[in-house]
């Protein structure tokens, strides 16, 4: 089981930026894929972006070009740089590895 801890959420105005971090309890180079999910109020959790240990990335269509996912093997951390944030991006952002989830970090974008 992988322990995951997210940080970096908060309140930001529309058009602003935030950088989320996810710290893993294991050496992440061993993890085939890590991902960020978002759960908006009253909605199902949905994939935002994913990254493989080979560096390949995938983004959902609604964030492509505005969000950047990255990882740091030395620090065992994954990041999500979010730019040009819109109110619709409000939600709890979760770090995911296979069946393991972090506790989530709240992102609120004021319109």
C-alpha atoms as a PDB file:
ATOM      1  CA  UNK A   1       0.000   0.000   0.000  1.00  0.00           C
ATOM      2  CA  UNK A   2       1.258   3.452  -0.924  1.00  0.00           C
ATOM      3  CA  UNK A   3       0.684   6.370   1.420  1.00  0.00           C
ATOM      4  CA  UNK A   4      -0.040   9.582  -0.470  1.00  0.00           C
ATOM      5  CA  UNK A   5      -0.225  13.094   0.960  1.00  0.00           C
ATOM      6  CA  UNK A   6      -1.421  16.052  -1.080  1.00  0.00           C
ATOM      7  CA  UNK A   7      -0.711  19.699  -0.378  1.00  0.00           C
ATOM      8  CA  UNK A   8      -0.858  23.064  -2.080  1.00  0.00           C
ATOM      9  CA  UNK A   9      -4.576  23.616  -2.393  1.00  0.00           C
ATOM     10  CA  UNK A  10      -6.296  26.832  -1.429  1.00  0.00           C
ATOM     11  CA  UNK A  11      -8.413  29.737  -2.570  1.00  0.00           C
ATOM     12  CA  UNK A  12      -7.438  31.494  -5.770  1.00  0.00           C
ATOM     13  CA  UNK A  13      -9.113  33.995  -8.056  1.00  0.00           C
ATOM     14  CA  UNK A  14     -10.151  32.997 -11.542  1.00  0.00           C
ATOM     15  CA  UNK A  15      -7.175  33.305 -13.858  1.00  0.00           C
ATOM     16  CA  UNK A  16      -4.739  32.538 -11.078  1.00  0.00           C
ATOM     17  CA  UNK A  17      -2.390  29.615 -10.548  1.00  0.00           C
ATOM     18  CA  UNK A  18      -1.743  26.933  -7.957  1.00  0.00           C
ATOM     19  CA  UNK A  19       0.773  24.148  -7.670  1.00  0.00           C
ATOM     20  CA  UNK A  20      -0.317  20.930  -6.006  1.00  0.00           C
ATOM     21  CA  UNK A  21       2.136  18.453  -4.555  1.00  0.00           C
ATOM     22  CA  UNK A  22       1.799  14.772  -3.739  1.00  0.00           C
ATOM     23  CA  UNK A  23       4.307  13.004  -1.520  1.00  0.00           C
ATOM     24  CA  UNK A  24       4.511   9.225  -1.794  1.00  0.00           C
ATOM     25  CA  UNK A  25       5.750   6.820   0.866  1.00  0.00           C
ATOM     26  CA  UNK A  26       7.619   4.698  -1.675  1.00  0.00           C
ATOM     27  CA  UNK A  27      10.207   5.253  -4.368  1.00  0.00           C
ATOM     28  CA  UNK A  28       8.023   6.554  -7.158  1.00  0.00           C
ATOM     29  CA  UNK A  29      10.298   5.381  -9.949  1.00  0.00           C
ATOM     30  CA  UNK A  30       8.873   1.934  -9.145  1.00  0.00           C
ATOM     31  CA  UNK A  31       5.331   3.138  -9.791  1.00  0.00           C
ATOM     32  CA  UNK A  32       4.195   2.632 -13.347  1.00  0.00           C
ATOM     33  CA  UNK A  33       1.669   5.447 -13.220  1.00  0.00           C
ATOM     34  CA  UNK A  34       0.600   8.226 -10.888  1.00  0.00           C
ATOM     35  CA  UNK A  35      -2.375  10.469 -11.423  1.00  0.00           C
ATOM     36  CA  UNK A  36      -4.355  13.463 -10.238  1.00  0.00           C
ATOM     37  CA  UNK A  37      -8.130  13.301  -9.959  1.00  0.00           C
ATOM     38  CA  UNK A  38     -10.671  16.004  -9.144  1.00  0.00           C
ATOM     39  CA  UNK A  39     -14.011  15.661  -7.457  1.00  0.00           C
ATOM     40  CA  UNK A  40     -16.251  18.667  -7.871  1.00  0.00           C
ATOM     41  CA  UNK A  41     -19.164  19.213  -5.483  1.00  0.00           C
ATOM     42  CA  UNK A  42     -21.959  16.777  -6.264  1.00  0.00           C
ATOM     43  CA  UNK A  43     -20.031  15.078  -9.049  1.00  0.00           C
ATOM     44  CA  UNK A  44     -18.017  11.928  -9.531  1.00  0.00           C
ATOM     45  CA  UNK A  45     -14.274  11.877  -9.252  1.00  0.00           C
ATOM     46  CA  UNK A  46     -12.647  12.369 -12.644  1.00  0.00           C
ATOM     47  CA  UNK A  47      -9.169  12.034 -14.038  1.00  0.00           C
ATOM     48  CA  UNK A  48      -7.256  15.290 -14.503  1.00  0.00           C
ATOM     49  CA  UNK A  49      -3.796  14.136 -15.517  1.00  0.00           C
ATOM     50  CA  UNK A  50      -1.477  11.145 -15.283  1.00  0.00           C
ATOM     51  CA  UNK A  51       2.230  10.492 -15.614  1.00  0.00           C
ATOM     52  CA  UNK A  52       4.215   7.288 -16.069  1.00  0.00           C
ATOM     53  CA  UNK A  53       7.598   6.484 -14.587  1.00  0.00           C
ATOM     54  CA  UNK A  54       8.911   6.831 -18.133  1.00  0.00           C
ATOM     55  CA  UNK A  55       7.739  10.426 -18.222  1.00  0.00           C
ATOM     56  CA  UNK A  56       4.765  10.034 -20.525  1.00  0.00           C
ATOM     57  CA  UNK A  57       1.868  12.297 -19.642  1.00  0.00           C
ATOM     58  CA  UNK A  58      -1.851  12.314 -20.285  1.00  0.00           C
ATOM     59  CA  UNK A  59      -4.314  15.114 -19.721  1.00  0.00           C
ATOM     60  CA  UNK A  60      -8.067  15.308 -19.762  1.00  0.00           C
ATOM     61  CA  UNK A  61      -9.366  17.447 -22.591  1.00  0.00           C
ATOM     62  CA  UNK A  62     -10.665  20.137 -20.237  1.00  0.00           C
ATOM     63  CA  UNK A  63      -7.251  20.908 -18.740  1.00  0.00           C
ATOM     64  CA  UNK A  64      -4.910  20.224 -21.634  1.00  0.00           C
ATOM     65  CA  UNK A  65      -2.654  23.196 -22.192  1.00  0.00           C
ATOM     66  CA  UNK A  66      -3.377  24.790 -18.834  1.00  0.00           C
ATOM     67  CA  UNK A  67      -2.187  22.135 -16.378  1.00  0.00           C
ATOM     68  CA  UNK A  68       1.201  20.450 -16.229  1.00  0.00           C
ATOM     69  CA  UNK A  69       1.903  17.211 -14.387  1.00  0.00           C
ATOM     70  CA  UNK A  70       5.433  16.325 -13.344  1.00  0.00           C
ATOM     71  CA  UNK A  71       7.320  14.154 -10.919  1.00  0.00           C
ATOM     72  CA  UNK A  72      10.590  14.186  -9.015  1.00  0.00           C
ATOM     73  CA  UNK A  73      12.090  10.747  -8.372  1.00  0.00           C
ATOM     74  CA  UNK A  74      14.630  12.096  -5.880  1.00  0.00           C
ATOM     75  CA  UNK A  75      11.924  13.601  -3.683  1.00  0.00           C
ATOM     76  CA  UNK A  76       9.280  10.921  -4.376  1.00  0.00           C
ATOM     77  CA  UNK A  77       6.864  13.645  -5.275  1.00  0.00           C
ATOM     78  CA  UNK A  78       4.381  14.420  -8.021  1.00  0.00           C
ATOM     79  CA  UNK A  79       3.147  17.869  -8.924  1.00  0.00           C
ATOM     80  CA  UNK A  80       0.276  19.517 -10.738  1.00  0.00           C
ATOM     81  CA  UNK A  81       0.867  23.056 -11.952  1.00  0.00           C
ATOM     82  CA  UNK A  82      -2.499  24.658 -12.648  1.00  0.00           C
ATOM     83  CA  UNK A  83      -2.631  27.890 -14.621  1.00  0.00           C
ATOM     84  CA  UNK A  84      -5.483  30.068 -15.865  1.00  0.00           C
ATOM     85  CA  UNK A  85      -7.798  28.521 -13.323  1.00  0.00           C
ATOM     86  CA  UNK A  86     -11.536  28.744 -13.854  1.00  0.00           C
ATOM     87  CA  UNK A  87     -14.332  28.428 -11.320  1.00  0.00           C
ATOM     88  CA  UNK A  88     -15.241  25.076 -12.888  1.00  0.00           C
ATOM     89  CA  UNK A  89     -11.903  23.676 -11.685  1.00  0.00           C
ATOM     90  CA  UNK A  90     -13.049  23.965  -8.066  1.00  0.00           C
ATOM     91  CA  UNK A  91     -13.006  20.696  -6.193  1.00  0.00           C
ATOM     92  CA  UNK A  92     -10.994  18.313  -4.104  1.00  0.00           C
ATOM     93  CA  UNK A  93      -7.878  17.128  -5.883  1.00  0.00           C
ATOM     94  CA  UNK A  94      -6.628  13.636  -5.119  1.00  0.00           C
ATOM     95  CA  UNK A  95      -3.352  11.908  -5.771  1.00  0.00           C
ATOM     96  CA  UNK A  96      -3.739   8.329  -6.993  1.00  0.00           C
ATOM     97  CA  UNK A  97      -1.614   5.247  -7.461  1.00  0.00           C
ATOM     98  CA  UNK A  98      -3.547   2.133  -8.527  1.00  0.00           C
ATOM     99  CA  UNK A  99      -6.008   1.533  -5.650  1.00  0.00           C
ATOM    100  CA  UNK A 100      -4.387   3.993  -3.250  1.00  0.00           C
ATOM    101  CA  UNK A 101      -5.597   7.552  -2.699  1.00  0.00           C
ATOM    102  CA  UNK A 102      -4.489  10.534  -0.702  1.00  0.00           C
ATOM    103  CA  UNK A 103      -6.830  12.470   1.551  1.00  0.00           C
ATOM    104  CA  UNK A 104      -7.249  15.209  -1.045  1.00  0.00           C
ATOM    105  CA  UNK A 105      -6.579  18.915  -1.093  1.00  0.00           C
ATOM    106  CA  UNK A 106      -9.297  21.505  -1.627  1.00  0.00           C
ATOM    107  CA  UNK A 107      -8.982  23.934  -4.517  1.00  0.00           C
ATOM    108  CA  UNK A 108     -11.472  26.767  -4.672  1.00  0.00           C
ATOM    109  CA  UNK A 109     -11.485  29.142  -7.620  1.00  0.00           C
ATOM    110  CA  UNK A 110     -13.492  32.277  -7.052  1.00  0.00           C
ATOM    111  CA  UNK A 111     -15.232  33.737 -10.062  1.00  0.00           C
END
